[in-house]
Amino acid sequence: MYRDRVDFVVVHIDEIHALDGWSFEQIKFKIKTHRAIEDRLPAAEILQSLDDFSLPLVVDTMKNEANLNYGGLPEQMCVVLDGEVKYIGGIGPYNYNIEEMITYLENIVKFSQ
């Protein structure tokens, strides 16, 4: 809907349900806590390989800079415009508001035309 005017990106961060951390039986992907970037990259590749995944994917540093700066754990939707954070939604997956995000994007697109 907005892909012709807005760039979307997914940032892969810490593994929230790691096998050696806070895990549960029904977890689909059996991934351990990322100890090095060599652990994080294959986990990101699993995400990127999912059939319905079509967005550009980047991987957070091992210092977890994106996660710490944007409150990404477990999920977060943000709008960054010209290097400045303009919108941060509620923490997902249960507390963000897609309609609010759409309204915000529509206002940005309207003002940038």
C-alpha atoms as a PDB file:
ATOM      1  CA  MET A   1       0.000   0.000   0.000  1.00  0.00           C
ATOM      2  CA  TYR A   2       2.806   2.447   0.860  1.00  0.00           C
ATOM      3  CA  ARG A   3       5.799   0.610  -0.610  1.00  0.00           C
ATOM      4  CA  ASP A   4       6.071   3.079  -3.486  1.00  0.00           C
ATOM      5  CA  ARG A   5       6.534   5.973  -1.002  1.00  0.00           C
ATOM      6  CA  VAL A   6       7.820   4.453   2.253  1.00  0.00           C
ATOM      7  CA  ASP A   7      10.751   2.119   2.917  1.00  0.00           C
ATOM      8  CA  PHE A   8       9.972  -0.736   5.281  1.00  0.00           C
ATOM      9  CA  VAL A   9      12.632  -2.785   7.047  1.00  0.00           C
ATOM     10  CA  VAL A  10      12.655  -5.517   9.681  1.00  0.00           C
ATOM     11  CA  VAL A  11      15.437  -5.502  12.272  1.00  0.00           C
ATOM     12  CA  HIS A  12      16.252  -8.931  13.689  1.00  0.00           C
ATOM     13  CA  ILE A  13      17.218  -8.607  17.380  1.00  0.00           C
ATOM     14  CA  ASP A  14      17.745 -10.968  20.320  1.00  0.00           C
ATOM     15  CA  GLU A  15      16.014 -14.333  20.280  1.00  0.00           C
ATOM     16  CA  ILE A  16      13.197 -13.880  22.811  1.00  0.00           C
ATOM     17  CA  HIS A  17      12.281 -17.572  23.074  1.00  0.00           C
ATOM     18  CA  ALA A  18      15.761 -19.068  22.997  1.00  0.00           C
ATOM     19  CA  LEU A  19      16.090 -22.740  23.930  1.00  0.00           C
ATOM     20  CA  ASP A  20      18.545 -21.883  26.690  1.00  0.00           C
ATOM     21  CA  GLY A  21      16.402 -19.011  27.974  1.00  0.00           C
ATOM     22  CA  TRP A  22      12.682 -18.295  28.172  1.00  0.00           C
ATOM     23  CA  SER A  23      11.385 -21.064  25.922  1.00  0.00           C
ATOM     24  CA  PHE A  24       8.349 -23.318  25.726  1.00  0.00           C
ATOM     25  CA  GLU A  25       7.442 -26.674  24.159  1.00  0.00           C
ATOM     26  CA  GLN A  26       5.396 -25.357  21.228  1.00  0.00           C
ATOM     27  CA  ILE A  27       8.134 -23.104  19.869  1.00  0.00           C
ATOM     28  CA  LYS A  28       8.557 -23.742  16.149  1.00  0.00           C
ATOM     29  CA  PHE A  29      12.218 -22.797  15.713  1.00  0.00           C
ATOM     30  CA  LYS A  30      14.767 -24.233  18.121  1.00  0.00           C
ATOM     31  CA  ILE A  31      17.334 -21.421  18.408  1.00  0.00           C
ATOM     32  CA  LYS A  32      19.756 -20.812  21.259  1.00  0.00           C
ATOM     33  CA  THR A  33      20.677 -17.403  22.654  1.00  0.00           C
ATOM     34  CA  HIS A  34      22.875 -15.487  20.235  1.00  0.00           C
ATOM     35  CA  ARG A  35      26.395 -15.384  21.693  1.00  0.00           C
ATOM     36  CA  ALA A  36      28.027 -13.990  18.546  1.00  0.00           C
ATOM     37  CA  ILE A  37      26.973 -12.490  15.232  1.00  0.00           C
ATOM     38  CA  GLU A  38      27.610 -15.925  13.728  1.00  0.00           C
ATOM     39  CA  ASP A  39      24.609 -17.135  15.787  1.00  0.00           C
ATOM     40  CA  ARG A  40      22.374 -14.202  14.938  1.00  0.00           C
ATOM     41  CA  LEU A  41      22.826 -14.332  11.176  1.00  0.00           C
ATOM     42  CA  PRO A  42      21.486 -17.905  10.685  1.00  0.00           C
ATOM     43  CA  ALA A  43      18.498 -17.046  12.902  1.00  0.00           C
ATOM     44  CA  ALA A  44      17.772 -14.032  10.678  1.00  0.00           C
ATOM     45  CA  GLU A  45      18.062 -16.251   7.604  1.00  0.00           C
ATOM     46  CA  ILE A  46      15.348 -18.525   9.019  1.00  0.00           C
ATOM     47  CA  LEU A  47      13.043 -15.511   9.374  1.00  0.00           C
ATOM     48  CA  GLN A  48      13.858 -14.327   5.873  1.00  0.00           C
ATOM     49  CA  SER A  49      13.160 -17.780   4.403  1.00  0.00           C
ATOM     50  CA  LEU A  50       9.525 -17.868   5.584  1.00  0.00           C
ATOM     51  CA  ASP A  51       7.047 -17.935   2.705  1.00  0.00           C
ATOM     52  CA  ASP A  52       5.190 -14.767   3.659  1.00  0.00           C
ATOM     53  CA  PHE A  53       8.300 -12.724   4.505  1.00  0.00           C
ATOM     54  CA  SER A  54       8.985 -10.104   1.844  1.00  0.00           C
ATOM     55  CA  LEU A  55      10.560  -7.084   3.569  1.00  0.00           C
ATOM     56  CA  PRO A  56      14.225  -6.108   3.662  1.00  0.00           C
ATOM     57  CA  LEU A  57      15.910  -7.569   6.743  1.00  0.00           C
ATOM     58  CA  VAL A  58      18.818  -6.191   8.740  1.00  0.00           C
ATOM     59  CA  VAL A  59      20.431  -7.667  11.843  1.00  0.00           C
ATOM     60  CA  ASP A  60      21.053  -5.804  15.104  1.00  0.00           C
ATOM     61  CA  THR A  61      24.599  -5.649  16.424  1.00  0.00           C
ATOM     62  CA  MET A  62      25.684  -7.874  19.291  1.00  0.00           C
ATOM     63  CA  LYS A  63      25.576  -4.745  21.477  1.00  0.00           C
ATOM     64  CA  ASN A  64      21.813  -4.755  20.717  1.00  0.00           C
ATOM     65  CA  GLU A  65      21.861  -1.094  19.716  1.00  0.00           C
ATOM     66  CA  ALA A  66      18.632  -1.125  17.684  1.00  0.00           C
ATOM     67  CA  ASN A  67      16.820  -3.083  20.391  1.00  0.00           C
ATOM     68  CA  LEU A  68      17.995  -0.728  23.149  1.00  0.00           C
ATOM     69  CA  ASN A  69      17.409   2.489  21.188  1.00  0.00           C
ATOM     70  CA  TYR A  70      13.989   1.574  19.809  1.00  0.00           C
ATOM     71  CA  GLY A  71      12.637  -0.773  22.500  1.00  0.00           C
ATOM     72  CA  GLY A  72      12.325  -3.585  19.994  1.00  0.00           C
ATOM     73  CA  LEU A  73      11.847  -6.521  22.344  1.00  0.00           C
ATOM     74  CA  PRO A  74       9.733  -8.416  21.498  1.00  0.00           C
ATOM     75  CA  GLU A  75       8.249  -6.381  18.606  1.00  0.00           C
ATOM     76  CA  GLN A  76       8.058  -2.678  17.890  1.00  0.00           C
ATOM     77  CA  MET A  77       6.861  -0.532  14.998  1.00  0.00           C
ATOM     78  CA  CYS A  78       8.668   2.764  14.472  1.00  0.00           C
ATOM     79  CA  VAL A  79       8.724   5.527  11.889  1.00  0.00           C
ATOM     80  CA  VAL A  80      12.097   7.124  11.268  1.00  0.00           C
ATOM     81  CA  LEU A  81      12.118  10.173   9.020  1.00  0.00           C
ATOM     82  CA  ASP A  82      15.354  11.862   7.992  1.00  0.00           C
ATOM     83  CA  GLY A  83      17.224  10.045  10.754  1.00  0.00           C
ATOM     84  CA  GLU A  84      14.802  11.108  13.501  1.00  0.00           C
ATOM     85  CA  VAL A  85      12.325   8.847  15.289  1.00  0.00           C
ATOM     86  CA  LYS A  86       8.892  10.317  14.638  1.00  0.00           C
ATOM     87  CA  TYR A  87       6.644   7.529  15.893  1.00  0.00           C
ATOM     88  CA  ILE A  88       6.987   4.523  18.187  1.00  0.00           C
ATOM     89  CA  GLY A  89       3.983   2.261  18.589  1.00  0.00           C
ATOM     90  CA  GLY A  90       3.069   0.135  21.576  1.00  0.00           C
ATOM     91  CA  ILE A  91       5.073  -2.999  22.294  1.00  0.00           C
ATOM     92  CA  GLY A  92       3.832  -5.894  20.189  1.00  0.00           C
ATOM     93  CA  PRO A  93       2.505  -8.203  19.366  1.00  0.00           C
ATOM     94  CA  TYR A  94      -0.497  -7.277  21.519  1.00  0.00           C
ATOM     95  CA  ASN A  95      -0.116  -3.563  22.229  1.00  0.00           C
ATOM     96  CA  TYR A  96       0.586  -1.945  18.914  1.00  0.00           C
ATOM     97  CA  ASN A  97      -2.087  -0.352  16.851  1.00  0.00           C
ATOM     98  CA  ILE A  98      -1.917  -0.937  13.088  1.00  0.00           C
ATOM     99  CA  GLU A  99      -4.627   1.661  12.377  1.00  0.00           C
ATOM    100  CA  GLU A 100      -2.664   4.298  14.309  1.00  0.00           C
ATOM    101  CA  MET A 101       0.459   3.460  12.302  1.00  0.00           C
ATOM    102  CA  ILE A 102      -1.471   3.701   9.021  1.00  0.00           C
ATOM    103  CA  THR A 103      -2.870   7.097  10.000  1.00  0.00           C
ATOM    104  CA  TYR A 104       0.621   8.321  10.871  1.00  0.00           C
ATOM    105  CA  LEU A 105       2.026   7.067   7.551  1.00  0.00           C
ATOM    106  CA  GLU A 106      -0.847   8.661   5.615  1.00  0.00           C
ATOM    107  CA  ASN A 107      -0.090  12.009   7.270  1.00  0.00           C
ATOM    108  CA  ILE A 108       3.611  11.753   6.410  1.00  0.00           C
ATOM    109  CA  VAL A 109       2.878  10.836   2.800  1.00  0.00           C
ATOM    110  CA  LYS A 110       0.339  13.666   2.521  1.00  0.00           C
ATOM    111  CA  PHE A 111       2.831  16.259   3.806  1.00  0.00           C
ATOM    112  CA  SER A 112       5.697  15.012   1.650  1.00  0.00           C
ATOM    113  CA  GLN A 113       3.835  15.268  -1.670  1.00  0.00           C
END
